């Protein structure tokens, strides 16, 4: 079934400054786009809110994980109550998107799936542009294939923070890249390694014994900082604006890398590798190489953290404390939503 473009929004005072940046016609085109954000942790959550504030009418959020206390130093907007109730990240993203929305009829579609499953991949194919806010090689590889096989632009971003043996920061590097036909893919630009993809698909990247024997670092335990995550989301959103508004008549840039210690921004001169499977499979659609697996086969890619015991198991004092905390958090959320 061919979906017709949604009608553009009526001009609102809330969007006056935004419209003045690129014009009424471009604004209508942008707000009608169906945009999916895969991974709504620190970076993805910020992107979702800024897309909603821009005036988009339909945003998709995809994540299978729940909010925990260890997320709150990076997930700006997630509350203590979200962590205590282990709310789904997609539910928190939906709430914050509606709070930031400037359109009168924002629709947030929630997908509690992994992009590495057939269901998650099928859902992604219904969008016009995809933001890749994941930090693991397998989901990046799936999104990389979609960009070429299904002609859906994928805007990828990430950050790596290096520390010294003393525990101090050595530096940080962030990258952003728009993956489209005619441009190098994530593999050719060094963002993902198919060896790493194979290791994750086999479950080795989540096997503590393999990680120990190989002398590797756990992918999910790498350092991250809220102040630097903002730079990643900003860089990805800049790619989005270049892709849809073409500032100065210029196309979207190639891969960009920013080094924090030197404050140096580089245009990376990557080129397509001769036998790149992704870039030689343009517009093949369902004939793409299958990289997804059913949920039972992606158990290692599902949330791995154990559930905490219910608060009432700590006795009546614990139950009372939990109840008081809930009332306080509910009051704070009500004031924020007022």
C-alpha atoms as a PDB file:
ATOM      1  CA  UNK A   1       0.000   0.000   0.000  1.00  0.00           C
ATOM      2  CA  UNK A   2       1.370   3.406  -1.010  1.00  0.00           C
ATOM      3  CA  UNK A   3       1.050   5.936   1.788  1.00  0.00           C
ATOM      4  CA  UNK A   4       0.125   9.448   0.769  1.00  0.00           C
ATOM      5  CA  UNK A   5       2.114  12.386   2.147  1.00  0.00           C
ATOM      6  CA  UNK A   6       0.564  13.864   5.237  1.00  0.00           C
ATOM      7  CA  UNK A   7      -0.749  17.416   4.878  1.00  0.00           C
ATOM      8  CA  UNK A   8       1.658  20.052   6.109  1.00  0.00           C
ATOM      9  CA  UNK A   9       0.908  21.780   9.414  1.00  0.00           C
ATOM     10  CA  UNK A  10      -0.663  25.186   9.618  1.00  0.00           C
ATOM     11  CA  UNK A  11       1.834  27.873  10.532  1.00  0.00           C
ATOM     12  CA  UNK A  12       2.090  28.401  14.274  1.00  0.00           C
ATOM     13  CA  UNK A  13       3.734  31.127  16.313  1.00  0.00           C
ATOM     14  CA  UNK A  14       5.758  28.409  18.044  1.00  0.00           C
ATOM     15  CA  UNK A  15       7.499  27.577  14.760  1.00  0.00           C
ATOM     16  CA  UNK A  16       8.055  31.093  13.416  1.00  0.00           C
ATOM     17  CA  UNK A  17      11.802  31.155  14.081  1.00  0.00           C
ATOM     18  CA  UNK A  18      12.245  27.659  12.647  1.00  0.00           C
ATOM     19  CA  UNK A  19      10.317  28.478   9.468  1.00  0.00           C
ATOM     20  CA  UNK A  20      12.332  31.669   8.985  1.00  0.00           C
ATOM     21  CA  UNK A  21      15.523  29.558   8.845  1.00  0.00           C
ATOM     22  CA  UNK A  22      14.594  27.622   5.697  1.00  0.00           C
ATOM     23  CA  UNK A  23      11.250  28.867   4.394  1.00  0.00           C
ATOM     24  CA  UNK A  24       7.638  27.733   4.453  1.00  0.00           C
ATOM     25  CA  UNK A  25       7.915  25.225   1.595  1.00  0.00           C
ATOM     26  CA  UNK A  26      10.965  23.447   3.023  1.00  0.00           C
ATOM     27  CA  UNK A  27       9.379  23.433   6.464  1.00  0.00           C
ATOM     28  CA  UNK A  28       6.284  21.673   5.140  1.00  0.00           C
ATOM     29  CA  UNK A  29       8.466  19.042   3.480  1.00  0.00           C
ATOM     30  CA  UNK A  30      10.512  18.474   6.636  1.00  0.00           C
ATOM     31  CA  UNK A  31       7.550  18.193   8.991  1.00  0.00           C
ATOM     32  CA  UNK A  32       5.897  15.586   6.750  1.00  0.00           C
ATOM     33  CA  UNK A  33       8.912  13.269   6.950  1.00  0.00           C
ATOM     34  CA  UNK A  34       8.543  10.070   8.943  1.00  0.00           C
ATOM     35  CA  UNK A  35      11.725   9.863  10.987  1.00  0.00           C
ATOM     36  CA  UNK A  36      12.829   6.884  13.082  1.00  0.00           C
ATOM     37  CA  UNK A  37      15.327   7.088  15.944  1.00  0.00           C
ATOM     38  CA  UNK A  38      16.881   3.692  16.696  1.00  0.00           C
ATOM     39  CA  UNK A  39      18.234   3.705  20.241  1.00  0.00           C
ATOM     40  CA  UNK A  40      16.775   6.313  22.599  1.00  0.00           C
ATOM     41  CA  UNK A  41      19.480   6.482  25.223  1.00  0.00           C
ATOM     42  CA  UNK A  42      21.533   9.617  25.836  1.00  0.00           C
ATOM     43  CA  UNK A  43      21.940  10.690  22.190  1.00  0.00           C
ATOM     44  CA  UNK A  44      18.706   9.363  20.721  1.00  0.00           C
ATOM     45  CA  UNK A  45      16.557  10.870  23.469  1.00  0.00           C
ATOM     46  CA  UNK A  46      17.958  14.332  22.741  1.00  0.00           C
ATOM     47  CA  UNK A  47      17.403  13.915  19.000  1.00  0.00           C
ATOM     48  CA  UNK A  48      13.775  12.854  19.482  1.00  0.00           C
ATOM     49  CA  UNK A  49      12.976  15.964  21.503  1.00  0.00           C
ATOM     50  CA  UNK A  50      14.607  18.322  19.018  1.00  0.00           C
ATOM     51  CA  UNK A  51      12.801  16.730  16.089  1.00  0.00           C
ATOM     52  CA  UNK A  52       9.526  17.216  17.974  1.00  0.00           C
ATOM     53  CA  UNK A  53      10.396  20.839  18.712  1.00  0.00           C
ATOM     54  CA  UNK A  54      11.145  21.363  15.002  1.00  0.00           C
ATOM     55  CA  UNK A  55       7.536  20.476  14.248  1.00  0.00           C
ATOM     56  CA  UNK A  56       7.658  16.959  12.814  1.00  0.00           C
ATOM     57  CA  UNK A  57       4.291  15.233  12.675  1.00  0.00           C
ATOM     58  CA  UNK A  58       5.459  11.619  12.980  1.00  0.00           C
ATOM     59  CA  UNK A  59       8.462  10.258  14.845  1.00  0.00           C
ATOM     60  CA  UNK A  60       9.286   6.621  15.515  1.00  0.00           C
ATOM     61  CA  UNK A  61      11.356   5.447  18.473  1.00  0.00           C
ATOM     62  CA  UNK A  62      12.881   1.962  18.663  1.00  0.00           C
ATOM     63  CA  UNK A  63      14.519   0.469  21.744  1.00  0.00           C
ATOM     64  CA  UNK A  64      13.996  -2.736  23.718  1.00  0.00           C
ATOM     65  CA  UNK A  65      15.633  -1.541  26.945  1.00  0.00           C
ATOM     66  CA  UNK A  66      14.356  -0.007  30.189  1.00  0.00           C
ATOM     67  CA  UNK A  67      15.534   2.996  32.196  1.00  0.00           C
ATOM     68  CA  UNK A  68      17.839   2.273  35.132  1.00  0.00           C
ATOM     69  CA  UNK A  69      19.600   4.480  37.666  1.00  0.00           C
ATOM     70  CA  UNK A  70      22.893   4.158  35.796  1.00  0.00           C
ATOM     71  CA  UNK A  71      21.238   5.797  32.748  1.00  0.00           C
ATOM     72  CA  UNK A  72      20.169   8.977  34.505  1.00  0.00           C
ATOM     73  CA  UNK A  73      23.519  10.775  34.272  1.00  0.00           C
ATOM     74  CA  UNK A  74      23.098  10.732  30.479  1.00  0.00           C
ATOM     75  CA  UNK A  75      19.377  10.410  29.712  1.00  0.00           C
ATOM     76  CA  UNK A  76      18.348  14.016  30.247  1.00  0.00           C
ATOM     77  CA  UNK A  77      14.644  14.064  31.093  1.00  0.00           C
ATOM     78  CA  UNK A  78      14.409  10.584  32.610  1.00  0.00           C
ATOM     79  CA  UNK A  79      13.318  10.772  36.244  1.00  0.00           C
ATOM     80  CA  UNK A  80      14.070   8.787  39.379  1.00  0.00           C
ATOM     81  CA  UNK A  81      10.592   7.352  39.084  1.00  0.00           C
ATOM     82  CA  UNK A  82      11.294   6.190  35.509  1.00  0.00           C
ATOM     83  CA  UNK A  83      14.320   4.296  36.808  1.00  0.00           C
ATOM     84  CA  UNK A  84      12.529   2.881  39.839  1.00  0.00           C
ATOM     85  CA  UNK A  85       9.631   1.618  37.728  1.00  0.00           C
ATOM     86  CA  UNK A  86      12.031   0.471  34.986  1.00  0.00           C
ATOM     87  CA  UNK A  87       9.966   2.257  32.383  1.00  0.00           C
ATOM     88  CA  UNK A  88      10.658   1.461  28.770  1.00  0.00           C
ATOM     89  CA  UNK A  89      12.978   3.957  27.154  1.00  0.00           C
ATOM     90  CA  UNK A  90      10.552   4.339  24.270  1.00  0.00           C
ATOM     91  CA  UNK A  91       7.809   5.403  26.706  1.00  0.00           C
ATOM     92  CA  UNK A  92      10.074   8.033  28.248  1.00  0.00           C
ATOM     93  CA  UNK A  93      11.033   9.230  24.756  1.00  0.00           C
ATOM     94  CA  UNK A  94       7.363   9.495  23.771  1.00  0.00           C
ATOM     95  CA  UNK A  95       6.544  11.516  26.880  1.00  0.00           C
ATOM     96  CA  UNK A  96       9.411  13.953  26.371  1.00  0.00           C
ATOM     97  CA  UNK A  97       8.689  14.281  22.644  1.00  0.00           C
ATOM     98  CA  UNK A  98       5.092  15.300  23.304  1.00  0.00           C
ATOM     99  CA  UNK A  99       6.299  17.761  25.924  1.00  0.00           C
ATOM    100  CA  UNK A 100       8.682  19.359  23.393  1.00  0.00           C
ATOM    101  CA  UNK A 101       6.321  19.199  20.388  1.00  0.00           C
ATOM    102  CA  UNK A 102       5.326  22.377  18.574  1.00  0.00           C
ATOM    103  CA  UNK A 103       2.939  20.729  16.104  1.00  0.00           C
ATOM    104  CA  UNK A 104      -0.675  20.236  17.123  1.00  0.00           C
ATOM    105  CA  UNK A 105      -0.779  16.594  16.088  1.00  0.00           C
ATOM    106  CA  UNK A 106       2.506  14.829  16.834  1.00  0.00           C
ATOM    107  CA  UNK A 107       2.369  11.034  16.547  1.00  0.00           C
ATOM    108  CA  UNK A 108       5.105   9.034  18.281  1.00  0.00           C
ATOM    109  CA  UNK A 109       5.230   5.407  17.181  1.00  0.00           C
ATOM    110  CA  UNK A 110       6.884   3.143  19.746  1.00  0.00           C
ATOM    111  CA  UNK A 111       8.734  -0.009  18.723  1.00  0.00           C
ATOM    112  CA  UNK A 112       9.933  -2.167  21.639  1.00  0.00           C
ATOM    113  CA  UNK A 113      12.116  -4.193  19.300  1.00  0.00           C
ATOM    114  CA  UNK A 114      15.720  -4.660  18.314  1.00  0.00           C
ATOM    115  CA  UNK A 115      16.582  -3.576  14.780  1.00  0.00           C
ATOM    116  CA  UNK A 116      18.366  -6.948  14.583  1.00  0.00           C
ATOM    117  CA  UNK A 117      15.032  -8.810  14.513  1.00  0.00           C
ATOM    118  CA  UNK A 118      12.807  -9.224  11.439  1.00  0.00           C
ATOM    119  CA  UNK A 119      10.053  -7.282  13.232  1.00  0.00           C
ATOM    120  CA  UNK A 120      12.360  -4.379  14.025  1.00  0.00           C
ATOM    121  CA  UNK A 121      13.774  -4.252  10.508  1.00  0.00           C
ATOM    122  CA  UNK A 122      10.298  -4.391   8.948  1.00  0.00           C
ATOM    123  CA  UNK A 123       9.166  -1.483  11.130  1.00  0.00           C
ATOM    124  CA  UNK A 124      12.196   0.579  10.099  1.00  0.00           C
ATOM    125  CA  UNK A 125      11.356   0.201   6.405  1.00  0.00           C
ATOM    126  CA  UNK A 126       8.231   2.324   6.895  1.00  0.00           C
ATOM    127  CA  UNK A 127      10.252   5.500   7.568  1.00  0.00           C
ATOM    128  CA  UNK A 128      11.853   8.113   5.326  1.00  0.00           C
ATOM    129  CA  UNK A 129      15.005   8.788   7.378  1.00  0.00           C
ATOM    130  CA  UNK A 130      16.618   6.815  10.209  1.00  0.00           C
ATOM    131  CA  UNK A 131      18.871   8.064  13.002  1.00  0.00           C
ATOM    132  CA  UNK A 132      21.295   5.371  14.156  1.00  0.00           C
ATOM    133  CA  UNK A 133      21.977   5.972  17.863  1.00  0.00           C
ATOM    134  CA  UNK A 134      23.272   2.519  18.729  1.00  0.00           C
ATOM    135  CA  UNK A 135      26.699   1.611  20.067  1.00  0.00           C
ATOM    136  CA  UNK A 136      27.076  -1.982  18.913  1.00  0.00           C
ATOM    137  CA  UNK A 137      28.259  -3.386  15.550  1.00  0.00           C
ATOM    138  CA  UNK A 138      25.355  -5.714  14.715  1.00  0.00           C
ATOM    139  CA  UNK A 139      22.537  -3.136  14.729  1.00  0.00           C
ATOM    140  CA  UNK A 140      24.783  -0.719  12.869  1.00  0.00           C
ATOM    141  CA  UNK A 141      25.386  -3.347  10.202  1.00  0.00           C
ATOM    142  CA  UNK A 142      21.635  -3.914   9.787  1.00  0.00           C
ATOM    143  CA  UNK A 143      21.027  -0.174   9.409  1.00  0.00           C
ATOM    144  CA  UNK A 144      23.979   0.108   7.030  1.00  0.00           C
ATOM    145  CA  UNK A 145      22.385  -2.496   4.750  1.00  0.00           C
ATOM    146  CA  UNK A 146      18.982  -0.763   4.880  1.00  0.00           C
ATOM    147  CA  UNK A 147      20.519   2.508   3.684  1.00  0.00           C
ATOM    148  CA  UNK A 148      21.534   0.918   0.381  1.00  0.00           C
ATOM    149  CA  UNK A 149      19.124  -1.958  -0.147  1.00  0.00           C
ATOM    150  CA  UNK A 150      16.029   0.103   0.711  1.00  0.00           C
ATOM    151  CA  UNK A 151      17.236   3.626  -0.167  1.00  0.00           C
ATOM    152  CA  UNK A 152      16.503   5.016   3.305  1.00  0.00           C
ATOM    153  CA  UNK A 153      19.151   7.516   4.478  1.00  0.00           C
ATOM    154  CA  UNK A 154      20.730   6.515   7.795  1.00  0.00           C
ATOM    155  CA  UNK A 155      22.400   9.175   9.949  1.00  0.00           C
ATOM    156  CA  UNK A 156      24.892   7.446  12.226  1.00  0.00           C
ATOM    157  CA  UNK A 157      26.811   8.902  15.145  1.00  0.00           C
ATOM    158  CA  UNK A 158      28.915   7.809  18.059  1.00  0.00           C
ATOM    159  CA  UNK A 159      31.551   8.786  20.579  1.00  0.00           C
ATOM    160  CA  UNK A 160      34.632   7.132  22.044  1.00  0.00           C
ATOM    161  CA  UNK A 161      36.194   8.416  25.268  1.00  0.00           C
ATOM    162  CA  UNK A 162      39.778   7.409  26.064  1.00  0.00           C
ATOM    163  CA  UNK A 163      41.155   7.395  29.595  1.00  0.00           C
ATOM    164  CA  UNK A 164      44.683   7.251  30.973  1.00  0.00           C
ATOM    165  CA  UNK A 165      45.874   4.521  33.366  1.00  0.00           C
ATOM    166  CA  UNK A 166      45.568   7.137  36.115  1.00  0.00           C
ATOM    167  CA  UNK A 167      41.837   7.390  35.444  1.00  0.00           C
ATOM    168  CA  UNK A 168      42.029  10.870  33.913  1.00  0.00           C
ATOM    169  CA  UNK A 169      40.645  11.639  30.480  1.00  0.00           C
ATOM    170  CA  UNK A 170      43.044  11.285  27.564  1.00  0.00           C
ATOM    171  CA  UNK A 171      40.570  12.591  25.011  1.00  0.00           C
ATOM    172  CA  UNK A 172      37.345  11.927  23.170  1.00  0.00           C
ATOM    173  CA  UNK A 173      36.407  11.498  19.541  1.00  0.00           C
ATOM    174  CA  UNK A 174      32.952  11.783  18.035  1.00  0.00           C
ATOM    175  CA  UNK A 175      31.910  10.885  14.529  1.00  0.00           C
ATOM    176  CA  UNK A 176      28.849  11.474  12.394  1.00  0.00           C
ATOM    177  CA  UNK A 177      28.045  10.128   8.956  1.00  0.00           C
ATOM    178  CA  UNK A 178      25.076  10.017   6.604  1.00  0.00           C
ATOM    179  CA  UNK A 179      24.873   6.676   4.835  1.00  0.00           C
ATOM    180  CA  UNK A 180      23.347   6.956   1.353  1.00  0.00           C
ATOM    181  CA  UNK A 181      24.068   5.392  -2.058  1.00  0.00           C
ATOM    182  CA  UNK A 182      27.050   7.064  -3.672  1.00  0.00           C
ATOM    183  CA  UNK A 183      28.797   7.573  -0.330  1.00  0.00           C
ATOM    184  CA  UNK A 184      31.043   5.150   1.593  1.00  0.00           C
ATOM    185  CA  UNK A 185      29.197   2.800   3.923  1.00  0.00           C
ATOM    186  CA  UNK A 186      29.895   2.348   7.630  1.00  0.00           C
ATOM    187  CA  UNK A 187      32.215  -0.580   6.930  1.00  0.00           C
ATOM    188  CA  UNK A 188      34.252   1.252   4.298  1.00  0.00           C
ATOM    189  CA  UNK A 189      34.605   4.256   6.606  1.00  0.00           C
ATOM    190  CA  UNK A 190      35.806   2.102   9.492  1.00  0.00           C
ATOM    191  CA  UNK A 191      32.782   2.623  11.717  1.00  0.00           C
ATOM    192  CA  UNK A 192      32.003  -1.082  11.904  1.00  0.00           C
ATOM    193  CA  UNK A 193      33.988  -4.258  11.374  1.00  0.00           C
ATOM    194  CA  UNK A 194      32.236  -7.298   9.957  1.00  0.00           C
ATOM    195  CA  UNK A 195      34.431  -9.415  12.223  1.00  0.00           C
ATOM    196  CA  UNK A 196      32.917  -7.608  15.210  1.00  0.00           C
ATOM    197  CA  UNK A 197      29.452  -8.092  13.726  1.00  0.00           C
ATOM    198  CA  UNK A 198      30.049 -11.839  13.452  1.00  0.00           C
ATOM    199  CA  UNK A 199      31.302 -11.958  17.052  1.00  0.00           C
ATOM    200  CA  UNK A 200      28.195 -10.200  18.307  1.00  0.00           C
ATOM    201  CA  UNK A 201      25.855 -12.382  16.262  1.00  0.00           C
ATOM    202  CA  UNK A 202      27.538 -15.465  17.753  1.00  0.00           C
ATOM    203  CA  UNK A 203      27.121 -14.085  21.276  1.00  0.00           C
ATOM    204  CA  UNK A 204      30.844 -13.797  21.988  1.00  0.00           C
ATOM    205  CA  UNK A 205      30.722 -10.044  22.651  1.00  0.00           C
ATOM    206  CA  UNK A 206      28.406 -10.768  25.594  1.00  0.00           C
ATOM    207  CA  UNK A 207      30.349 -13.780  26.878  1.00  0.00           C
ATOM    208  CA  UNK A 208      32.410 -12.704  29.937  1.00  0.00           C
ATOM    209  CA  UNK A 209      34.793 -15.636  29.500  1.00  0.00           C
ATOM    210  CA  UNK A 210      35.488 -14.760  25.844  1.00  0.00           C
ATOM    211  CA  UNK A 211      35.956 -11.089  26.739  1.00  0.00           C
ATOM    212  CA  UNK A 212      38.416 -12.056  29.500  1.00  0.00           C
ATOM    213  CA  UNK A 213      40.427 -14.457  27.332  1.00  0.00           C
ATOM    214  CA  UNK A 214      40.542 -12.039  24.405  1.00  0.00           C
ATOM    215  CA  UNK A 215      41.581  -9.137  26.636  1.00  0.00           C
ATOM    216  CA  UNK A 216      38.687  -7.073  25.322  1.00  0.00           C
ATOM    217  CA  UNK A 217      36.579  -4.345  26.877  1.00  0.00           C
ATOM    218  CA  UNK A 218      32.867  -4.910  27.434  1.00  0.00           C
ATOM    219  CA  UNK A 219      31.027  -2.937  24.743  1.00  0.00           C
ATOM    220  CA  UNK A 220      28.228  -1.954  27.127  1.00  0.00           C
ATOM    221  CA  UNK A 221      30.538  -0.631  29.845  1.00  0.00           C
ATOM    222  CA  UNK A 222      32.433   2.050  27.971  1.00  0.00           C
ATOM    223  CA  UNK A 223      32.638   5.541  29.529  1.00  0.00           C
ATOM    224  CA  UNK A 224      30.172   8.190  28.432  1.00  0.00           C
ATOM    225  CA  UNK A 225      29.406  11.741  29.544  1.00  0.00           C
ATOM    226  CA  UNK A 226      26.198  13.756  29.137  1.00  0.00           C
ATOM    227  CA  UNK A 227      28.132  16.909  28.248  1.00  0.00           C
ATOM    228  CA  UNK A 228      29.772  15.135  25.296  1.00  0.00           C
ATOM    229  CA  UNK A 229      26.677  13.218  24.165  1.00  0.00           C
ATOM    230  CA  UNK A 230      25.166  16.581  23.243  1.00  0.00           C
ATOM    231  CA  UNK A 231      27.908  17.038  20.663  1.00  0.00           C
ATOM    232  CA  UNK A 232      27.023  13.729  19.007  1.00  0.00           C
ATOM    233  CA  UNK A 233      23.319  14.546  18.761  1.00  0.00           C
ATOM    234  CA  UNK A 234      24.150  18.038  17.467  1.00  0.00           C
ATOM    235  CA  UNK A 235      26.409  16.608  14.763  1.00  0.00           C
ATOM    236  CA  UNK A 236      23.771  14.088  13.656  1.00  0.00           C
ATOM    237  CA  UNK A 237      21.103  16.792  13.571  1.00  0.00           C
ATOM    238  CA  UNK A 238      23.408  18.977  11.473  1.00  0.00           C
ATOM    239  CA  UNK A 239      23.649  16.113   8.982  1.00  0.00           C
ATOM    240  CA  UNK A 240      19.848  15.897   9.040  1.00  0.00           C
ATOM    241  CA  UNK A 241      19.497  19.608   8.241  1.00  0.00           C
ATOM    242  CA  UNK A 242      22.044  19.315   5.421  1.00  0.00           C
ATOM    243  CA  UNK A 243      20.174  16.309   4.046  1.00  0.00           C
ATOM    244  CA  UNK A 244      16.731  17.937   4.022  1.00  0.00           C
ATOM    245  CA  UNK A 245      17.392  21.695   3.717  1.00  0.00           C
ATOM    246  CA  UNK A 246      20.666  21.810   1.687  1.00  0.00           C
ATOM    247  CA  UNK A 247      22.155  24.968   3.300  1.00  0.00           C
ATOM    248  CA  UNK A 248      23.906  27.079   0.665  1.00  0.00           C
ATOM    249  CA  UNK A 249      22.870  24.538  -1.943  1.00  0.00           C
ATOM    250  CA  UNK A 250      25.417  22.088  -0.545  1.00  0.00           C
ATOM    251  CA  UNK A 251      24.734  18.346  -0.132  1.00  0.00           C
ATOM    252  CA  UNK A 252      25.133  16.396   3.080  1.00  0.00           C
ATOM    253  CA  UNK A 253      28.828  16.112   4.027  1.00  0.00           C
ATOM    254  CA  UNK A 254      30.875  12.946   4.106  1.00  0.00           C
ATOM    255  CA  UNK A 255      32.024  11.336   7.364  1.00  0.00           C
ATOM    256  CA  UNK A 256      33.096  13.874   9.985  1.00  0.00           C
ATOM    257  CA  UNK A 257      35.319  13.315  13.024  1.00  0.00           C
ATOM    258  CA  UNK A 258      35.852  15.748  15.899  1.00  0.00           C
ATOM    259  CA  UNK A 259      38.765  15.302  18.312  1.00  0.00           C
ATOM    260  CA  UNK A 260      38.126  16.910  21.687  1.00  0.00           C
ATOM    261  CA  UNK A 261      41.695  17.343  22.960  1.00  0.00           C
ATOM    262  CA  UNK A 262      42.802  19.261  19.847  1.00  0.00           C
ATOM    263  CA  UNK A 263      39.314  20.664  19.081  1.00  0.00           C
ATOM    264  CA  UNK A 264      39.863  19.605  15.487  1.00  0.00           C
ATOM    265  CA  UNK A 265      37.121  18.731  12.987  1.00  0.00           C
ATOM    266  CA  UNK A 266      38.135  16.487  10.083  1.00  0.00           C
ATOM    267  CA  UNK A 267      36.440  15.592   6.815  1.00  0.00           C
ATOM    268  CA  UNK A 268      37.473  11.953   6.488  1.00  0.00           C
ATOM    269  CA  UNK A 269      38.564  10.961   2.942  1.00  0.00           C
ATOM    270  CA  UNK A 270      37.065   7.474   2.931  1.00  0.00           C
ATOM    271  CA  UNK A 271      36.197   5.752  -0.331  1.00  0.00           C
ATOM    272  CA  UNK A 272      34.244   2.661  -1.292  1.00  0.00           C
ATOM    273  CA  UNK A 273      36.131  -0.599  -0.984  1.00  0.00           C
ATOM    274  CA  UNK A 274      36.302  -2.626  -4.165  1.00  0.00           C
ATOM    275  CA  UNK A 275      34.202  -5.558  -2.972  1.00  0.00           C
ATOM    276  CA  UNK A 276      31.888  -3.766  -0.540  1.00  0.00           C
ATOM    277  CA  UNK A 277      28.735  -5.932  -0.288  1.00  0.00           C
ATOM    278  CA  UNK A 278      26.518  -3.113   1.000  1.00  0.00           C
ATOM    279  CA  UNK A 279      27.305  -0.523  -1.658  1.00  0.00           C
ATOM    280  CA  UNK A 280      26.923  -3.078  -4.444  1.00  0.00           C
ATOM    281  CA  UNK A 281      23.432  -4.020  -3.260  1.00  0.00           C
ATOM    282  CA  UNK A 282      21.594  -0.776  -3.997  1.00  0.00           C
ATOM    283  CA  UNK A 283      17.791  -0.953  -4.230  1.00  0.00           C
ATOM    284  CA  UNK A 284      17.656  -4.742  -3.900  1.00  0.00           C
ATOM    285  CA  UNK A 285      15.013  -4.554  -1.167  1.00  0.00           C
ATOM    286  CA  UNK A 286      14.059  -7.967   0.193  1.00  0.00           C
ATOM    287  CA  UNK A 287      16.901  -9.555  -1.777  1.00  0.00           C
ATOM    288  CA  UNK A 288      19.368  -8.040   0.703  1.00  0.00           C
ATOM    289  CA  UNK A 289      21.666 -10.293   2.722  1.00  0.00           C
ATOM    290  CA  UNK A 290      19.718 -11.481   5.763  1.00  0.00           C
ATOM    291  CA  UNK A 291      21.318 -10.152   8.950  1.00  0.00           C
ATOM    292  CA  UNK A 292      18.336 -10.297  11.297  1.00  0.00           C
ATOM    293  CA  UNK A 293      17.261 -13.132  13.565  1.00  0.00           C
ATOM    294  CA  UNK A 294      14.116 -14.034  15.435  1.00  0.00           C
ATOM    295  CA  UNK A 295      13.944 -12.734  19.045  1.00  0.00           C
ATOM    296  CA  UNK A 296      14.799 -16.148  20.540  1.00  0.00           C
ATOM    297  CA  UNK A 297      18.019 -16.150  18.544  1.00  0.00           C
ATOM    298  CA  UNK A 298      18.938 -12.621  19.629  1.00  0.00           C
ATOM    299  CA  UNK A 299      18.810 -13.312  23.346  1.00  0.00           C
ATOM    300  CA  UNK A 300      22.312 -11.943  23.779  1.00  0.00           C
ATOM    301  CA  UNK A 301      21.130  -8.683  22.251  1.00  0.00           C
ATOM    302  CA  UNK A 302      18.254  -8.306  24.718  1.00  0.00           C
ATOM    303  CA  UNK A 303      18.489  -6.534  28.071  1.00  0.00           C
ATOM    304  CA  UNK A 304      20.985  -8.443  30.171  1.00  0.00           C
ATOM    305  CA  UNK A 305      20.554  -6.712  33.520  1.00  0.00           C
ATOM    306  CA  UNK A 306      18.778  -8.536  36.299  1.00  0.00           C
ATOM    307  CA  UNK A 307      15.529  -7.223  37.691  1.00  0.00           C
ATOM    308  CA  UNK A 308      15.683  -5.653  41.109  1.00  0.00           C
ATOM    309  CA  UNK A 309      13.427  -7.069  43.814  1.00  0.00           C
ATOM    310  CA  UNK A 310      10.083  -5.366  44.260  1.00  0.00           C
ATOM    311  CA  UNK A 311      10.267  -2.433  46.704  1.00  0.00           C
ATOM    312  CA  UNK A 312       7.731  -3.933  49.130  1.00  0.00           C
ATOM    313  CA  UNK A 313      10.076  -6.834  49.870  1.00  0.00           C
ATOM    314  CA  UNK A 314      12.134  -4.512  52.058  1.00  0.00           C
ATOM    315  CA  UNK A 315       9.429  -4.440  54.725  1.00  0.00           C
ATOM    316  CA  UNK A 316       6.878  -1.779  55.569  1.00  0.00           C
ATOM    317  CA  UNK A 317       9.565   0.903  55.965  1.00  0.00           C
ATOM    318  CA  UNK A 318      10.816   0.255  52.438  1.00  0.00           C
ATOM    319  CA  UNK A 319       7.265   0.255  51.093  1.00  0.00           C
ATOM    320  CA  UNK A 320       6.527   3.560  52.844  1.00  0.00           C
ATOM    321  CA  UNK A 321       9.735   5.099  51.528  1.00  0.00           C
ATOM    322  CA  UNK A 322       8.880   3.948  47.999  1.00  0.00           C
ATOM    323  CA  UNK A 323       5.366   5.370  48.286  1.00  0.00           C
ATOM    324  CA  UNK A 324       6.662   8.745  49.480  1.00  0.00           C
ATOM    325  CA  UNK A 325       9.211   8.828  46.656  1.00  0.00           C
ATOM    326  CA  UNK A 326       6.482   8.031  44.124  1.00  0.00           C
ATOM    327  CA  UNK A 327       4.313  10.868  45.433  1.00  0.00           C
ATOM    328  CA  UNK A 328       7.219  13.309  45.248  1.00  0.00           C
ATOM    329  CA  UNK A 329       8.153  12.228  41.721  1.00  0.00           C
ATOM    330  CA  UNK A 330       4.521  12.400  40.613  1.00  0.00           C
ATOM    331  CA  UNK A 331       4.280  15.953  41.963  1.00  0.00           C
ATOM    332  CA  UNK A 332       7.477  16.972  40.168  1.00  0.00           C
ATOM    333  CA  UNK A 333       6.282  15.462  36.879  1.00  0.00           C
ATOM    334  CA  UNK A 334       2.913  17.205  37.258  1.00  0.00           C
ATOM    335  CA  UNK A 335       4.645  20.549  37.748  1.00  0.00           C
ATOM    336  CA  UNK A 336       6.836  19.908  34.677  1.00  0.00           C
ATOM    337  CA  UNK A 337       3.781  19.078  32.582  1.00  0.00           C
ATOM    338  CA  UNK A 338       1.800  22.079  33.823  1.00  0.00           C
END
